Amino acid sequence: MNKRILSVFVICALYYAAQAQEGKGGISNAMMQQIKQTYQETSADKAIRNAIGSNDIRKLALNQDNMKGMDTHFSIKVPSKGITDQKSSGRCWLFTGLNVMRAKTIAKYNLGFFEFSQIYPFFFDQLEKANLFLQGIIDTSDKPMNDKMVEWLFKHPLSDGGTFTGVADIVSKYGLVPKEVMPETNSSENTSRMAGLITLKLREQGLRLRDMVSKGAKPAALEKAKTEMLGTIYRMLVLNLGVPPTEFTWTQYNSKGEAVETATYTPLSFLKKFGDENLIGNYVMLMNDPSREYYKCYEIDYDRHRYDGTNWKYVNLPIEDIKEMAIASLKDSTMMYFSCDVGKCLNSDRGLLDVNNYDYESLLGTSLGMDKKQRIQTFDSGSSHAMTLMAVDLDKNGKPTKWMVENSWGTGAGYQGHLIMTDEWFNEYMFRLVVETKFATPKALEILKQKPIRLPAWDPMFAEEE
C-alpha cells in the first residue's frame, strides 16, 4: 500500500476513533449545542449576569423577606462568661472545650473575668500530634508509600484543628494554667506559618524513619531517632509559643475584684482544683449523621490527639433525641460543646444561621435540593466549627424554635460575639454535641457500651473543627 494512502487511512481511523470515544462520555459538538441553548441571553439573564459579575453573590441572594427584626429573646439561657477570640487559628475545638469548663469554674468559685490559657494545651497538642504522626509512620513502615493509610498520614502530619476528644486527651495529661500565666503569641493567633514549617519538618522526619526501617533499624534505634526528632519539634514550638510553665503562683479574685487566695500550683494541681480531671468519663459525644444507622456507637480510627489517647467515639442518634439532652443540660444552666457546618446559610452581619437567609435558587434559576444525608455522602457538608451551646427558646408546647451559641471569633463578630440559629437550621447543619453523662438518656449511655463500629481515618465524617 502507498505510504501516503496509509497515512491518510491512519489519520482517518484516529479521527473516527476519537469521535467514537467522544460519544462515550465526552462533550460532542451536538451535545455542546444543546448545552448552550440553556442560556438564551434574555434580558433577565443578562441583568443577573451583570449583577453577579460585579457583586458578592450572597448580597444578591439575600432573602429580604427574612430580614425582619431578629428575635433575641431566649426562654432558657446560660449567661455568657465573656467572648473569646481564636484569631487566625483553627483552635475553635480547644476554645470551646475550655469555655465550657470555664463557665462551670466561674460559677463554682464566684470568679471575676477568667480564662484558661489556650496556648498552654495547644503547645502539647502540637507536640503530641507530631508523635502520633511519627509513631504512625513507624507502625506502617512495612507498607508501600501508596498505601492508603501511609498516604493519609503524610497528608495529615499535623493540624491545629481538633475535636472534644482532643481537649480530653491533652488536658487530662498536661493540666491547665490561667491565661495570664501563658498568654498568646503571634504564632498561636496566626498558626498557618508555624504549622507549615513543622509539617514540612515532620514529613522529612517521616521519610527518614521509613528509610531506617528499610535498612533494618531495630525498635530501640527507631525510638531514639523519634525522640531526637520530637526534640527538634519541641524547640520549634518553644520558639513560636514560649516555654510551658511547670509551676506558677496565681492569685484568685472573686467577682467583686477582691483577692481571695494566692497559691502555687502545677498545671495538674490547677486542673484538679479549677477544672475537670475526668473529661473522658464525664461526657458523651453525640452525633447526628443520617448517612449511618442510628442507635449505634462508632469510632474513628486514628482520630485522637495522643498516640496513647482515645479515638473519637460517638453515639449516632436522631436529631430529636439529641435536642432532648441539650435542653435538659441548658435547663440545668450547663453549657455544651457543640459543632456544626457553620458556613452554610450564615448571615455574618446579623449573626444568624437560617436556611432562609439566602435564595440562591431564585437567583440562579435552579434547585439545590440535597438533604442532610446526601450532603454528607457527597462531602458537601460536615462539621467545620465548634462553639459553646448556651441557650434555647421553647414554644408553649416545649418545642425549640431557635438556639444560641457563644462563639470564639471576638465580640465584634455576629450578634455580640454570639450566633443565633433557627431550629430548622439546627436540624440540617448541627453534627456533634457533647453532654455530661448526667444529662444523657439511659438509652444513649447503653449504646455507648456497645463495641464501636470502627471507621477509617479518611471517613467522610472525620473532620477536625477549626
Protein backbone atom coordinates (compact mmCIF):
# COMPACT_ATOMS: atom_id res chain seq x y z
CA MET A 1 0.00 0.00 0.00
CA ASN A 2 1.22 3.51 -0.83
CA LYS A 3 2.68 5.14 2.31
CA ARG A 4 0.78 8.34 1.68
CA ILE A 5 -2.52 6.47 1.37
CA LEU A 6 -1.66 4.52 4.52
CA SER A 7 -1.01 7.76 6.42
CA VAL A 8 -4.34 9.20 5.34
CA PHE A 9 -6.03 5.95 6.38
CA VAL A 10 -4.39 6.05 9.84
CA ILE A 11 -5.35 9.69 10.38
CA CYS A 12 -8.95 8.97 9.41
CA ALA A 13 -9.04 5.96 11.70
CA LEU A 14 -7.72 8.00 14.61
CA TYR A 15 -10.27 10.75 13.89
CA TYR A 16 -13.21 8.37 13.86
CA ALA A 17 -11.88 6.58 16.94
CA ALA A 18 -11.70 9.91 18.75
CA GLN A 19 -15.23 10.73 17.59
CA ALA A 20 -16.45 7.36 18.84
CA GLN A 21 -14.69 7.87 22.18
CA GLU A 22 -16.20 11.35 22.44
CA GLY A 23 -19.63 9.85 22.04
CA LYS A 24 -18.98 7.56 25.01
CA GLY A 25 -18.62 10.27 27.60
CA GLY A 26 -17.06 13.36 26.13
CA ILE A 27 -18.87 16.54 25.15
CA SER A 28 -19.70 16.15 21.46
CA ASN A 29 -20.45 19.06 19.16
CA ALA A 30 -24.12 18.16 19.19
CA MET A 31 -24.15 17.97 22.96
CA MET A 32 -22.38 21.32 23.21
CA GLN A 33 -25.03 22.96 21.04
CA GLN A 34 -27.72 21.53 23.28
CA ILE A 35 -25.91 22.75 26.40
CA LYS A 36 -25.51 26.25 25.01
CA GLN A 37 -29.24 26.53 24.41
CA THR A 38 -29.88 26.54 28.16
CA TYR A 39 -28.66 30.14 28.24
CA GLN A 40 -30.81 32.28 25.92
CA GLU A 41 -29.38 35.74 26.72
CA THR A 42 -32.78 37.01 27.79
CA SER A 43 -32.91 40.48 29.30
CA ALA A 44 -33.45 38.89 32.73
CA ASP A 45 -30.45 36.55 32.35
CA LYS A 46 -28.27 39.41 31.14
CA ALA A 47 -29.27 41.57 34.08
CA ILE A 48 -28.48 38.75 36.52
CA ARG A 49 -25.12 38.11 34.83
CA ASN A 50 -24.22 41.77 35.00
CA ALA A 51 -25.19 41.94 38.68
CA ILE A 52 -23.25 38.80 39.67
CA GLY A 53 -20.23 39.98 37.69
CA SER A 54 -19.71 42.98 39.94
CA ASN A 55 -21.27 41.98 43.28
CA ASP A 56 -20.97 39.46 46.10
CA ILE A 57 -23.42 36.70 45.18
CA ARG A 58 -24.56 36.47 48.80
CA LYS A 59 -25.77 40.06 48.75
CA LEU A 60 -27.75 39.43 45.58
CA ALA A 61 -29.27 36.25 47.02
CA LEU A 62 -30.07 37.82 50.40
CA ASN A 63 -33.68 37.00 51.17
CA GLN A 64 -35.27 40.35 52.01
CA ASP A 65 -38.38 38.58 53.31
CA ASN A 66 -36.17 37.15 56.06
CA MET A 67 -34.68 40.47 57.14
CA LYS A 68 -37.28 41.37 59.75
CA GLY A 69 -36.16 42.22 63.27
CA MET A 70 -34.28 39.31 64.81
CA ASP A 71 -35.78 37.86 67.97
CA THR A 72 -33.00 37.66 70.55
CA HIS A 73 -35.12 36.50 73.50
CA PHE A 74 -34.45 33.01 74.85
CA SER A 75 -36.60 31.24 77.41
CA ILE A 76 -33.62 29.19 78.66
CA LYS A 77 -30.21 30.85 78.67
CA VAL A 78 -26.93 30.25 80.46
CA PRO A 79 -25.20 33.64 80.92
CA SER A 80 -22.10 34.10 78.79
CA LYS A 81 -18.83 34.35 80.72
CA GLY A 82 -17.09 36.54 78.14
CA ILE A 83 -16.39 36.20 74.43
CA THR A 84 -13.01 34.77 73.47
CA ASP A 85 -11.14 35.15 70.17
CA GLN A 86 -9.20 32.38 68.47
CA LYS A 87 -7.93 34.90 65.87
CA SER A 88 -6.48 33.34 62.69
CA SER A 89 -6.18 29.83 64.04
CA GLY A 90 -8.12 26.58 63.85
CA ARG A 91 -8.39 26.15 67.63
CA CYS A 92 -12.18 26.50 67.96
CA TRP A 93 -12.36 22.98 69.43
CA LEU A 94 -9.93 23.99 72.18
CA PHE A 95 -11.56 27.36 72.90
CA THR A 96 -14.98 25.69 73.05
CA GLY A 97 -13.88 22.90 75.37
CA LEU A 98 -12.15 25.34 77.70
CA ASN A 99 -15.11 27.76 77.60
CA VAL A 100 -17.49 25.01 78.74
CA MET A 101 -15.15 24.27 81.65
CA ARG A 102 -14.59 27.96 82.34
CA ALA A 103 -18.32 28.65 82.80
CA LYS A 104 -18.53 25.96 85.49
CA THR A 105 -15.36 27.22 87.20
CA ILE A 106 -16.53 30.84 87.34
CA ALA A 107 -19.88 29.79 88.78
CA LYS A 108 -18.33 27.42 91.33
CA TYR A 109 -15.73 29.85 92.68
CA ASN A 110 -17.58 33.14 92.04
CA LEU A 111 -14.67 34.38 89.94
CA GLY A 112 -14.45 37.65 88.06
CA PHE A 113 -13.34 37.60 84.43
CA PHE A 114 -11.33 34.45 83.91
CA GLU A 115 -9.91 32.40 81.05
CA PHE A 116 -7.83 29.26 80.92
CA SER A 117 -4.71 29.64 78.79
CA GLN A 118 -5.48 28.26 75.34
CA ILE A 119 -1.86 28.31 74.21
CA TYR A 120 -0.71 26.00 77.03
CA PRO A 121 -2.71 22.91 75.97
CA PHE A 122 -2.22 23.86 72.31
CA PHE A 123 1.57 23.58 72.76
CA PHE A 124 1.26 19.98 73.93
CA ASP A 125 -1.46 19.24 71.38
CA GLN A 126 1.01 20.04 68.61
CA LEU A 127 3.80 18.02 70.23
CA GLU A 128 1.53 15.01 70.82
CA LYS A 129 0.20 15.15 67.25
CA ALA A 130 3.79 15.17 66.00
CA ASN A 131 4.45 11.99 67.99
CA LEU A 132 1.17 10.48 66.73
CA PHE A 133 2.36 11.02 63.17
CA LEU A 134 5.92 9.77 63.68
CA GLN A 135 4.81 6.65 65.53
CA GLY A 136 2.18 6.05 62.86
CA ILE A 137 4.94 6.17 60.25
CA ILE A 138 6.90 3.57 62.21
CA ASP A 139 3.81 1.37 62.59
CA THR A 140 3.12 1.44 58.84
CA SER A 141 6.73 1.29 57.66
CA ASP A 142 6.18 -2.17 56.12
CA LYS A 143 3.55 -0.75 53.76
CA PRO A 144 4.30 0.96 50.42
CA MET A 145 4.15 4.75 50.06
CA ASN A 146 0.94 4.47 48.05
CA ASP A 147 -0.84 2.53 50.79
CA LYS A 148 -3.96 4.48 51.75
CA MET A 149 -3.02 4.74 55.43
CA VAL A 150 0.54 5.85 54.65
CA GLU A 151 -0.80 8.43 52.20
CA TRP A 152 -3.26 9.69 54.79
CA LEU A 153 -0.51 10.08 57.39
CA PHE A 154 1.72 12.09 55.08
CA LYS A 155 -1.23 14.24 54.02
CA HIS A 156 -2.16 14.95 57.65
CA PRO A 157 1.02 15.03 59.78
CA LEU A 158 -0.22 17.98 61.83
CA SER A 159 -3.11 20.41 62.14
CA ASP A 160 -4.39 22.98 64.60
CA GLY A 161 -7.96 21.63 64.30
CA GLY A 162 -9.49 19.01 66.55
CA THR A 163 -12.50 17.73 68.44
CA PHE A 164 -13.61 17.47 72.07
CA THR A 165 -11.66 14.20 72.27
CA GLY A 166 -8.52 16.30 71.87
CA VAL A 167 -9.47 18.54 74.78
CA ALA A 168 -9.90 15.44 76.94
CA ASP A 169 -6.67 13.83 75.69
CA ILE A 170 -4.44 16.85 76.23
CA VAL A 171 -5.92 18.45 79.35
CA SER A 172 -6.14 15.19 81.28
CA LYS A 173 -2.42 14.56 80.72
CA TYR A 174 -0.92 18.05 80.93
CA GLY A 175 -3.37 20.02 83.05
CA LEU A 176 -4.32 23.69 82.72
CA VAL A 177 -2.99 27.13 83.63
CA PRO A 178 -4.64 30.59 83.78
CA LYS A 179 -4.30 32.70 80.64
CA GLU A 180 -2.03 35.27 82.30
CA VAL A 181 0.49 32.53 83.16
CA MET A 182 0.96 31.62 79.47
CA PRO A 183 -0.50 34.32 77.19
CA GLU A 184 -1.00 34.18 73.43
CA THR A 185 1.78 34.86 70.90
CA ASN A 186 1.64 35.91 67.27
CA SER A 187 2.17 32.32 66.17
CA SER A 188 -0.62 30.97 68.38
CA GLU A 189 -3.04 33.53 66.98
CA ASN A 190 -1.80 33.07 63.41
CA THR A 191 -0.91 29.40 63.20
CA SER A 192 -0.50 28.76 59.47
CA ARG A 193 3.17 29.72 59.08
CA MET A 194 4.32 27.78 62.14
CA ALA A 195 2.18 24.78 61.18
CA GLY A 196 3.53 24.80 57.64
CA LEU A 197 7.14 24.71 58.81
CA ILE A 198 6.56 21.99 61.39
CA THR A 199 4.59 19.96 58.84
CA LEU A 200 7.48 20.25 56.39
CA LYS A 201 9.91 19.02 59.05
CA LEU A 202 7.65 16.13 60.08
CA ARG A 203 7.34 14.85 56.53
CA GLU A 204 11.11 14.94 56.20
CA GLN A 205 11.43 13.05 59.50
CA GLY A 206 8.80 10.54 58.40
CA LEU A 207 10.78 9.69 55.28
CA ARG A 208 13.90 9.28 57.39
CA LEU A 209 12.15 6.81 59.70
CA ARG A 210 10.90 4.76 56.75
CA ASP A 211 14.42 4.71 55.33
CA MET A 212 15.81 3.50 58.67
CA VAL A 213 13.28 0.65 58.75
CA SER A 214 14.13 -0.36 55.17
CA LYS A 215 17.76 -0.64 56.25
CA GLY A 216 16.89 -2.92 59.17
CA ALA A 217 16.88 -0.49 62.10
CA LYS A 218 15.83 -2.07 65.41
CA PRO A 219 12.93 -0.70 67.55
CA ALA A 220 15.36 0.85 70.05
CA ALA A 221 17.12 2.78 67.28
CA LEU A 222 13.79 3.98 65.89
CA GLU A 223 12.67 5.11 69.36
CA LYS A 224 15.92 7.01 69.84
CA ALA A 225 15.60 8.68 66.44
CA LYS A 226 11.97 9.59 67.11
CA THR A 227 12.89 11.16 70.44
CA GLU A 228 15.56 13.29 68.74
CA MET A 229 13.05 14.33 66.10
CA LEU A 230 10.50 15.33 68.73
CA GLY A 231 13.24 17.39 70.39
CA THR A 232 13.50 19.39 67.17
CA ILE A 233 9.72 19.86 67.08
CA TYR A 234 9.69 20.88 70.76
CA ARG A 235 12.30 23.57 70.10
CA MET A 236 10.32 24.89 67.14
CA LEU A 237 7.23 25.07 69.34
CA VAL A 238 9.07 26.87 72.15
CA LEU A 239 10.43 29.45 69.72
CA ASN A 240 6.90 30.12 68.46
CA LEU A 241 4.75 29.64 71.55
CA GLY A 242 7.00 30.02 74.59
CA VAL A 243 8.08 27.64 77.36
CA PRO A 244 5.15 25.88 79.08
CA PRO A 245 5.22 26.53 82.84
CA THR A 246 5.74 23.62 85.23
CA GLU A 247 4.90 25.61 88.38
CA PHE A 248 3.40 29.05 88.93
CA THR A 249 1.92 31.34 91.57
CA TRP A 250 -1.56 32.72 90.93
CA THR A 251 -3.96 34.96 92.81
CA GLN A 252 -7.65 34.10 92.73
CA TYR A 253 -10.08 37.06 92.59
CA ASN A 254 -13.82 36.98 93.20
CA SER A 255 -16.49 38.70 91.08
CA LYS A 256 -16.00 41.93 93.08
CA GLY A 257 -12.33 42.06 92.19
CA GLU A 258 -11.22 41.13 95.70
CA ALA A 259 -8.22 38.87 96.20
CA VAL A 260 -9.31 35.56 97.69
CA GLU A 261 -6.17 33.45 97.72
CA THR A 262 -2.62 33.38 96.40
CA ALA A 263 -1.18 29.91 95.94
CA THR A 264 1.43 27.98 93.99
CA TYR A 265 0.22 25.35 91.52
CA THR A 266 1.42 22.91 88.93
CA PRO A 267 -0.73 22.61 85.79
CA LEU A 268 -2.15 19.31 87.06
CA SER A 269 -2.94 20.64 90.53
CA PHE A 270 -4.62 23.67 88.92
CA LEU A 271 -6.70 21.30 86.78
CA LYS A 272 -7.66 19.32 89.87
CA LYS A 273 -8.94 22.39 91.69
CA PHE A 274 -10.39 24.53 88.91
CA GLY A 275 -11.06 22.15 86.03
CA ASP A 276 -12.38 18.66 85.31
CA GLU A 277 -9.97 15.76 85.75
CA ASN A 278 -12.30 13.22 84.14
CA LEU A 279 -13.12 14.83 80.81
CA ILE A 280 -13.35 11.47 79.06
CA GLY A 281 -15.54 9.63 81.55
CA ASN A 282 -17.85 12.55 82.41
CA TYR A 283 -19.01 13.30 78.87
CA VAL A 284 -20.72 11.61 75.93
CA MET A 285 -20.23 12.71 72.33
CA LEU A 286 -23.47 12.59 70.35
CA MET A 287 -23.68 12.74 66.55
CA ASN A 288 -26.49 13.28 64.08
CA ASP A 289 -25.32 11.50 60.93
CA PRO A 290 -28.30 10.26 58.86
CA SER A 291 -25.94 8.57 56.40
CA ARG A 292 -25.37 5.82 59.01
CA GLU A 293 -27.57 3.64 61.14
CA TYR A 294 -28.92 5.36 64.24
CA TYR A 295 -28.64 3.98 67.78
CA LYS A 296 -25.16 2.64 67.10
CA CYS A 297 -21.75 3.52 68.56
CA TYR A 298 -18.98 4.47 66.12
CA GLU A 299 -15.25 5.02 66.47
CA ILE A 300 -12.97 6.92 64.07
CA ASP A 301 -9.58 5.26 63.66
CA TYR A 302 -6.60 7.48 64.35
CA ASP A 303 -8.81 10.35 65.42
CA ARG A 304 -7.08 11.21 68.64
CA HIS A 305 -4.60 13.85 69.72
CA ARG A 306 -2.21 11.49 71.53
CA TYR A 307 -0.84 8.18 70.32
CA ASP A 308 -1.84 6.72 73.69
CA GLY A 309 -5.06 8.76 73.76
CA THR A 310 -8.68 7.94 72.98
CA ASN A 311 -10.09 7.61 69.47
CA TRP A 312 -13.14 9.75 68.83
CA LYS A 313 -16.14 7.61 69.81
CA TYR A 314 -19.72 8.79 69.39
CA VAL A 315 -23.33 7.70 69.64
CA ASN A 316 -25.29 8.31 66.45
CA LEU A 317 -28.83 9.48 67.19
CA PRO A 318 -31.82 11.13 65.52
CA ILE A 319 -31.80 14.88 65.97
CA GLU A 320 -34.81 14.91 68.30
CA ASP A 321 -33.02 12.61 70.77
CA ILE A 322 -30.05 14.99 70.84
CA LYS A 323 -32.28 18.02 71.38
CA GLU A 324 -33.84 16.35 74.40
CA MET A 325 -30.46 16.06 76.11
CA ALA A 326 -29.38 19.55 75.05
CA ILE A 327 -32.49 21.09 76.58
CA ALA A 328 -32.00 19.10 79.79
CA SER A 329 -28.44 20.44 80.09
CA LEU A 330 -29.45 24.06 79.44
CA LYS A 331 -32.28 23.84 81.97
CA ASP A 332 -29.57 22.94 84.50
CA SER A 333 -27.51 26.00 83.44
CA THR A 334 -24.83 23.85 81.83
CA MET A 335 -23.26 24.88 78.53
CA MET A 336 -22.18 22.28 75.98
CA TYR A 337 -19.54 21.67 73.32
CA PHE A 338 -21.39 21.95 70.00
CA SER A 339 -20.18 21.68 66.40
CA CYS A 340 -21.79 22.30 63.06
CA ASP A 341 -21.27 23.31 59.44
CA VAL A 342 -21.09 26.99 60.34
CA GLY A 343 -20.50 28.34 56.84
CA LYS A 344 -23.83 27.14 55.50
CA CYS A 345 -26.53 29.85 55.28
CA LEU A 346 -24.67 32.17 57.67
CA ASN A 347 -25.55 35.86 57.65
CA SER A 348 -22.44 37.01 59.48
CA ASP A 349 -23.60 40.63 59.71
CA ARG A 350 -26.65 39.64 61.77
CA GLY A 351 -25.10 36.60 63.43
CA LEU A 352 -27.98 34.46 62.15
CA LEU A 353 -27.86 30.88 60.88
CA ASP A 354 -31.10 30.32 58.96
CA VAL A 355 -31.85 28.13 55.92
CA ASN A 356 -33.94 31.04 54.60
CA ASN A 357 -31.17 33.65 54.75
CA TYR A 358 -30.32 33.34 51.04
CA ASP A 359 -32.36 32.47 47.97
CA TYR A 360 -29.76 31.17 45.54
CA GLU A 361 -32.36 29.10 43.69
CA SER A 362 -34.32 32.13 42.51
CA LEU A 363 -31.14 34.00 41.59
CA LEU A 364 -29.61 31.13 39.60
CA GLY A 365 -32.82 29.57 38.32
CA THR A 366 -32.12 26.06 39.57
CA SER A 367 -32.94 23.91 42.58
CA LEU A 368 -30.39 22.97 45.27
CA GLY A 369 -32.21 20.06 46.80
CA MET A 370 -29.89 17.58 48.55
CA ASP A 371 -30.92 16.53 52.04
CA LYS A 372 -28.55 16.18 55.01
CA LYS A 373 -27.75 12.53 54.28
CA GLN A 374 -26.88 13.28 50.67
CA ARG A 375 -24.75 16.28 51.60
CA ILE A 376 -22.71 14.11 53.97
CA GLN A 377 -22.30 11.30 51.42
CA THR A 378 -21.07 13.70 48.74
CA PHE A 379 -18.71 15.62 51.05
CA ASP A 380 -20.80 18.77 50.63
CA SER A 381 -21.39 19.17 54.37
CA GLY A 382 -19.66 18.19 57.57
CA SER A 383 -18.67 19.50 60.96
CA SER A 384 -16.42 22.52 60.44
CA HIS A 385 -16.56 24.64 63.60
CA ALA A 386 -17.09 24.18 67.33
CA MET A 387 -18.88 26.66 69.61
CA THR A 388 -20.50 26.67 73.04
CA LEU A 389 -24.24 25.95 73.08
CA MET A 390 -25.74 28.24 75.71
CA ALA A 391 -29.43 28.97 75.01
CA VAL A 392 -32.67 27.63 73.58
CA ASP A 393 -36.09 29.22 73.08
CA LEU A 394 -39.05 26.89 73.65
CA ASP A 395 -42.61 27.43 72.43
CA LYS A 396 -45.71 26.85 74.57
CA ASN A 397 -45.51 23.11 73.78
CA GLY A 398 -41.90 22.86 74.94
CA LYS A 399 -40.51 22.55 71.39
CA PRO A 400 -37.38 24.50 70.40
CA THR A 401 -37.74 27.35 67.92
CA LYS A 402 -34.19 28.70 68.00
CA TRP A 403 -30.80 28.22 69.68
CA MET A 404 -27.80 30.38 70.55
CA VAL A 405 -24.08 29.67 70.82
CA GLU A 406 -21.17 31.57 72.33
CA ASN A 407 -18.57 31.84 69.58
CA SER A 408 -14.79 32.41 69.68
CA TRP A 409 -14.45 34.99 66.91
CA GLY A 410 -14.32 38.03 69.18
CA THR A 411 -17.02 40.41 70.40
CA GLY A 412 -17.39 42.14 67.04
CA ALA A 413 -18.45 39.03 65.15
CA GLY A 414 -22.08 38.01 64.74
CA TYR A 415 -24.59 39.06 67.37
CA GLN A 416 -22.37 40.49 70.13
CA GLY A 417 -19.97 37.58 69.71
CA HIS A 418 -22.76 35.01 69.51
CA LEU A 419 -24.61 33.20 66.72
CA ILE A 420 -28.36 32.55 66.73
CA MET A 421 -29.70 29.61 64.74
CA THR A 422 -33.21 28.61 63.82
CA ASP A 423 -34.37 25.14 64.80
CA GLU A 424 -34.68 24.25 61.11
CA TRP A 425 -31.03 25.18 60.57
CA PHE A 426 -30.10 23.16 63.67
CA ASN A 427 -31.74 20.11 62.08
CA GLU A 428 -29.81 20.48 58.83
CA TYR A 429 -26.32 21.52 59.89
CA MET A 430 -25.78 20.50 63.53
CA PHE A 431 -23.49 17.46 63.79
CA ARG A 432 -21.93 16.97 67.23
CA LEU A 433 -22.92 17.70 70.79
CA VAL A 434 -21.02 16.73 73.93
CA VAL A 435 -23.17 16.37 77.04
CA GLU A 436 -22.35 15.43 80.60
CA THR A 437 -23.31 11.85 81.37
CA LYS A 438 -25.90 13.02 83.92
CA PHE A 439 -27.90 14.63 81.08
CA ALA A 440 -27.55 11.68 78.70
CA THR A 441 -30.56 9.42 78.36
CA PRO A 442 -30.27 5.83 79.63
CA LYS A 443 -30.60 4.67 76.01
CA ALA A 444 -27.65 6.80 74.89
CA LEU A 445 -25.48 5.53 77.74
CA GLU A 446 -26.41 1.95 76.93
CA ILE A 447 -25.42 2.44 73.26
CA LEU A 448 -22.07 3.82 74.42
CA LYS A 449 -21.33 0.40 75.95
CA GLN A 450 -21.56 -1.29 72.54
CA LYS A 451 -18.43 -2.42 70.76
CA PRO A 452 -17.95 0.54 68.41
CA ILE A 453 -18.15 0.18 64.66
CA ARG A 454 -14.68 1.23 63.58
CA LEU A 455 -14.43 3.69 60.70
CA PRO A 456 -11.22 4.65 58.84
CA ALA A 457 -9.42 7.92 59.40
CA TRP A 458 -10.47 9.19 55.95
CA ASP A 459 -14.17 8.62 56.57
CA PRO A 460 -16.42 11.47 55.27
CA MET A 461 -17.46 12.40 58.81
CA PHE A 462 -13.89 12.62 60.10
CA ALA A 463 -13.19 16.31 60.20
CA GLU A 464 -11.43 18.49 62.71
CA GLU A 465 -13.28 21.59 63.84
CA GLU A 466 -11.45 24.81 63.11
